[in-house]
Amino acid sequence: MSLLKILADENVESSLMSFLKSKGLDARYAPRGLKNSELLTLAEKEDRVILTHDHDFLRIESYKPVSGTLVLPVYSIAEMEEILSKFFERFASEEIKGKAFLLTKEGFFVFREGEEKHTSVS
């Protein structure tokens, strides 16, 4: 399994980034002010999974998740840490590529290109 590299959108809390780094993940912020399309291009270039609170990234017909995208709704920091921990225990980086995931307290939902509906995977 290759090391998962995260590219966080500017809307991700700094304490969440510290948590990811404490778990041994290679996590860094994207430069501030990037458009969504520029964020995707940078993530693909650096082979990083995008982490964002922006639900627009679930529209994969517009934002194709080449390296993978994780959309995490805003909850308390403790809840977001728990959700991310469960997700990373379940999924390897190879399983994330080419998909967008919605990570919620209720479970994980995957969005793939060419599919009209999302699939629950938790």
C-alpha atoms as a PDB file:
ATOM      1  CA  MET A   1       0.000   0.000   0.000  1.00  0.00           C
ATOM      2  CA  SER A   2       1.363   3.406  -0.919  1.00  0.00           C
ATOM      3  CA  LEU A   3       1.432   6.244   1.587  1.00  0.00           C
ATOM      4  CA  LEU A   4      -1.701   8.338   1.364  1.00  0.00           C
ATOM      5  CA  LYS A   5      -0.981  11.978   0.592  1.00  0.00           C
ATOM      6  CA  ILE A   6      -3.625  14.589   1.422  1.00  0.00           C
ATOM      7  CA  LEU A   7      -4.134  18.006  -0.155  1.00  0.00           C
ATOM      8  CA  ALA A   8      -6.452  19.979   2.085  1.00  0.00           C
ATOM      9  CA  ASP A   9      -8.700  22.715   0.819  1.00  0.00           C
ATOM     10  CA  GLU A  10      -8.301  26.030   2.630  1.00  0.00           C
ATOM     11  CA  ASN A  11     -11.617  25.409   4.438  1.00  0.00           C
ATOM     12  CA  VAL A  12     -10.204  22.491   6.470  1.00  0.00           C
ATOM     13  CA  GLU A  13      -9.459  23.327  10.106  1.00  0.00           C
ATOM     14  CA  SER A  14      -5.796  23.462  11.150  1.00  0.00           C
ATOM     15  CA  SER A  15      -6.440  21.157  14.123  1.00  0.00           C
ATOM     16  CA  LEU A  16      -7.733  18.530  11.693  1.00  0.00           C
ATOM     17  CA  MET A  17      -4.519  18.856   9.694  1.00  0.00           C
ATOM     18  CA  SER A  18      -2.493  18.338  12.879  1.00  0.00           C
ATOM     19  CA  PHE A  19      -4.544  15.212  13.578  1.00  0.00           C
ATOM     20  CA  LEU A  20      -3.839  13.808  10.089  1.00  0.00           C
ATOM     21  CA  LYS A  21      -0.123  14.444  10.454  1.00  0.00           C
ATOM     22  CA  SER A  22      -0.132  12.781  13.887  1.00  0.00           C
ATOM     23  CA  LYS A  23      -1.524   9.676  12.170  1.00  0.00           C
ATOM     24  CA  GLY A  24       1.484   9.619   9.858  1.00  0.00           C
ATOM     25  CA  LEU A  25      -0.251  10.986   6.778  1.00  0.00           C
ATOM     26  CA  ASP A  26       1.511  13.329   4.380  1.00  0.00           C
ATOM     27  CA  ALA A  27      -0.980  16.208   4.648  1.00  0.00           C
ATOM     28  CA  ARG A  28      -0.560  19.758   3.426  1.00  0.00           C
ATOM     29  CA  TYR A  29      -2.748  22.707   2.505  1.00  0.00           C
ATOM     30  CA  ALA A  30      -3.333  23.815  -1.048  1.00  0.00           C
ATOM     31  CA  PRO A  31      -2.426  27.443  -1.694  1.00  0.00           C
ATOM     32  CA  ARG A  32      -5.206  29.821  -0.640  1.00  0.00           C
ATOM     33  CA  GLY A  33      -7.548  31.149  -3.282  1.00  0.00           C
ATOM     34  CA  LEU A  34      -7.350  28.259  -5.755  1.00  0.00           C
ATOM     35  CA  LYS A  35     -10.421  27.578  -7.854  1.00  0.00           C
ATOM     36  CA  ASN A  36     -11.857  24.072  -7.537  1.00  0.00           C
ATOM     37  CA  SER A  37     -10.524  23.125 -10.969  1.00  0.00           C
ATOM     38  CA  GLU A  38      -7.037  24.330  -9.974  1.00  0.00           C
ATOM     39  CA  LEU A  39      -7.228  22.331  -6.754  1.00  0.00           C
ATOM     40  CA  LEU A  40      -8.034  19.196  -8.761  1.00  0.00           C
ATOM     41  CA  THR A  41      -5.159  19.824 -11.157  1.00  0.00           C
ATOM     42  CA  LEU A  42      -2.699  20.293  -8.297  1.00  0.00           C
ATOM     43  CA  ALA A  43      -3.949  17.155  -6.528  1.00  0.00           C
ATOM     44  CA  GLU A  44      -3.546  15.118  -9.712  1.00  0.00           C
ATOM     45  CA  LYS A  45      -0.061  16.528 -10.366  1.00  0.00           C
ATOM     46  CA  GLU A  46       1.089  15.674  -6.821  1.00  0.00           C
ATOM     47  CA  ASP A  47      -0.922  12.423  -6.611  1.00  0.00           C
ATOM     48  CA  ARG A  48      -2.772  13.690  -3.532  1.00  0.00           C
ATOM     49  CA  VAL A  49      -6.295  13.034  -2.288  1.00  0.00           C
ATOM     50  CA  ILE A  50      -8.323  16.198  -1.791  1.00  0.00           C
ATOM     51  CA  LEU A  51      -9.874  16.771   1.636  1.00  0.00           C
ATOM     52  CA  THR A  52     -12.582  19.422   1.684  1.00  0.00           C
ATOM     53  CA  HIS A  53     -15.862  20.489   3.241  1.00  0.00           C
ATOM     54  CA  ASP A  54     -17.082  21.651  -0.193  1.00  0.00           C
ATOM     55  CA  HIS A  55     -19.951  19.446  -1.415  1.00  0.00           C
ATOM     56  CA  ASP A  56     -19.450  20.746  -4.981  1.00  0.00           C
ATOM     57  CA  PHE A  57     -16.698  18.135  -5.312  1.00  0.00           C
ATOM     58  CA  LEU A  58     -19.342  15.384  -5.230  1.00  0.00           C
ATOM     59  CA  ARG A  59     -20.500  16.537  -8.682  1.00  0.00           C
ATOM     60  CA  ILE A  60     -17.941  14.323 -10.359  1.00  0.00           C
ATOM     61  CA  GLU A  61     -19.165  15.153 -13.841  1.00  0.00           C
ATOM     62  CA  SER A  62     -17.677  18.608 -13.164  1.00  0.00           C
ATOM     63  CA  TYR A  63     -14.888  17.693 -10.724  1.00  0.00           C
ATOM     64  CA  LYS A  64     -13.423  14.360 -11.777  1.00  0.00           C
ATOM     65  CA  PRO A  65     -11.612  12.883  -8.734  1.00  0.00           C
ATOM     66  CA  VAL A  66      -8.483  11.509 -10.435  1.00  0.00           C
ATOM     67  CA  SER A  67      -6.482  11.033  -7.229  1.00  0.00           C
ATOM     68  CA  GLY A  68      -9.610  10.847  -5.081  1.00  0.00           C
ATOM     69  CA  THR A  69     -11.694  13.315  -3.121  1.00  0.00           C
ATOM     70  CA  LEU A  70     -12.931  13.194   0.459  1.00  0.00           C
ATOM     71  CA  VAL A  71     -15.824  15.499   1.319  1.00  0.00           C
ATOM     72  CA  LEU A  72     -16.297  15.812   5.067  1.00  0.00           C
ATOM     73  CA  PRO A  73     -19.259  17.824   6.374  1.00  0.00           C
ATOM     74  CA  VAL A  74     -18.454  20.184   9.227  1.00  0.00           C
ATOM     75  CA  TYR A  75     -18.939  18.493  12.587  1.00  0.00           C
ATOM     76  CA  SER A  76     -17.063  18.964  15.840  1.00  0.00           C
ATOM     77  CA  ILE A  77     -13.318  18.350  15.540  1.00  0.00           C
ATOM     78  CA  ALA A  78     -13.616  15.164  17.633  1.00  0.00           C
ATOM     79  CA  GLU A  79     -16.365  13.816  15.365  1.00  0.00           C
ATOM     80  CA  MET A  80     -14.400  14.624  12.206  1.00  0.00           C
ATOM     81  CA  GLU A  81     -11.297  12.943  13.652  1.00  0.00           C
ATOM     82  CA  GLU A  82     -13.323   9.824  14.457  1.00  0.00           C
ATOM     83  CA  ILE A  83     -14.867   9.722  10.965  1.00  0.00           C
ATOM     84  CA  LEU A  84     -11.477  10.111   9.284  1.00  0.00           C
ATOM     85  CA  SER A  85      -9.905   7.456  11.509  1.00  0.00           C
ATOM     86  CA  LYS A  86     -12.623   4.958  10.598  1.00  0.00           C
ATOM     87  CA  PHE A  87     -12.308   5.812   6.914  1.00  0.00           C
ATOM     88  CA  PHE A  88      -8.527   5.386   6.806  1.00  0.00           C
ATOM     89  CA  GLU A  89      -8.801   2.072   8.685  1.00  0.00           C
ATOM     90  CA  ARG A  90     -11.179   0.787   6.021  1.00  0.00           C
ATOM     91  CA  PHE A  91      -9.736   2.182   2.764  1.00  0.00           C
ATOM     92  CA  ALA A  92      -6.283   1.971   1.215  1.00  0.00           C
ATOM     93  CA  SER A  93      -5.047   4.722  -1.090  1.00  0.00           C
ATOM     94  CA  GLU A  94      -5.552   2.485  -4.137  1.00  0.00           C
ATOM     95  CA  GLU A  95      -9.256   2.164  -3.280  1.00  0.00           C
ATOM     96  CA  ILE A  96      -9.703   5.935  -3.126  1.00  0.00           C
ATOM     97  CA  LYS A  97      -8.288   6.810  -6.560  1.00  0.00           C
ATOM     98  CA  GLY A  98     -10.862   7.904  -9.125  1.00  0.00           C
ATOM     99  CA  LYS A  99     -13.671   8.227  -6.579  1.00  0.00           C
ATOM    100  CA  ALA A 100     -15.277  10.927  -4.480  1.00  0.00           C
ATOM    101  CA  PHE A 101     -16.365   9.993  -0.974  1.00  0.00           C
ATOM    102  CA  LEU A 102     -18.844  11.687   1.313  1.00  0.00           C
ATOM    103  CA  LEU A 103     -17.789  10.927   4.881  1.00  0.00           C
ATOM    104  CA  THR A 104     -20.624  11.316   7.384  1.00  0.00           C
ATOM    105  CA  LYS A 105     -21.482  10.202  10.907  1.00  0.00           C
ATOM    106  CA  GLU A 106     -23.957   7.799   9.291  1.00  0.00           C
ATOM    107  CA  GLY A 107     -21.378   6.184   7.026  1.00  0.00           C
ATOM    108  CA  PHE A 108     -19.340   6.537   3.852  1.00  0.00           C
ATOM    109  CA  PHE A 109     -20.828   7.096   0.417  1.00  0.00           C
ATOM    110  CA  VAL A 110     -18.873   6.685  -2.806  1.00  0.00           C
ATOM    111  CA  PHE A 111     -19.475   8.596  -6.034  1.00  0.00           C
ATOM    112  CA  ARG A 112     -17.965   7.213  -9.243  1.00  0.00           C
ATOM    113  CA  GLU A 113     -17.871   8.580 -12.743  1.00  0.00           C
ATOM    114  CA  GLY A 114     -20.643   7.160 -14.909  1.00  0.00           C
ATOM    115  CA  GLU A 115     -22.918   6.275 -11.996  1.00  0.00           C
ATOM    116  CA  GLU A 116     -26.072   8.247 -11.361  1.00  0.00           C
ATOM    117  CA  LYS A 117     -26.372   7.275  -7.703  1.00  0.00           C
ATOM    118  CA  HIS A 118     -23.951   7.034  -4.849  1.00  0.00           C
ATOM    119  CA  THR A 119     -23.276   3.806  -3.006  1.00  0.00           C
ATOM    120  CA  SER A 120     -23.077   3.321   0.746  1.00  0.00           C
ATOM    121  CA  VAL A 121     -19.847   1.549   1.650  1.00  0.00           C
ATOM    122  CA  SER A 122     -19.889   1.481   5.434  1.00  0.00           C
END
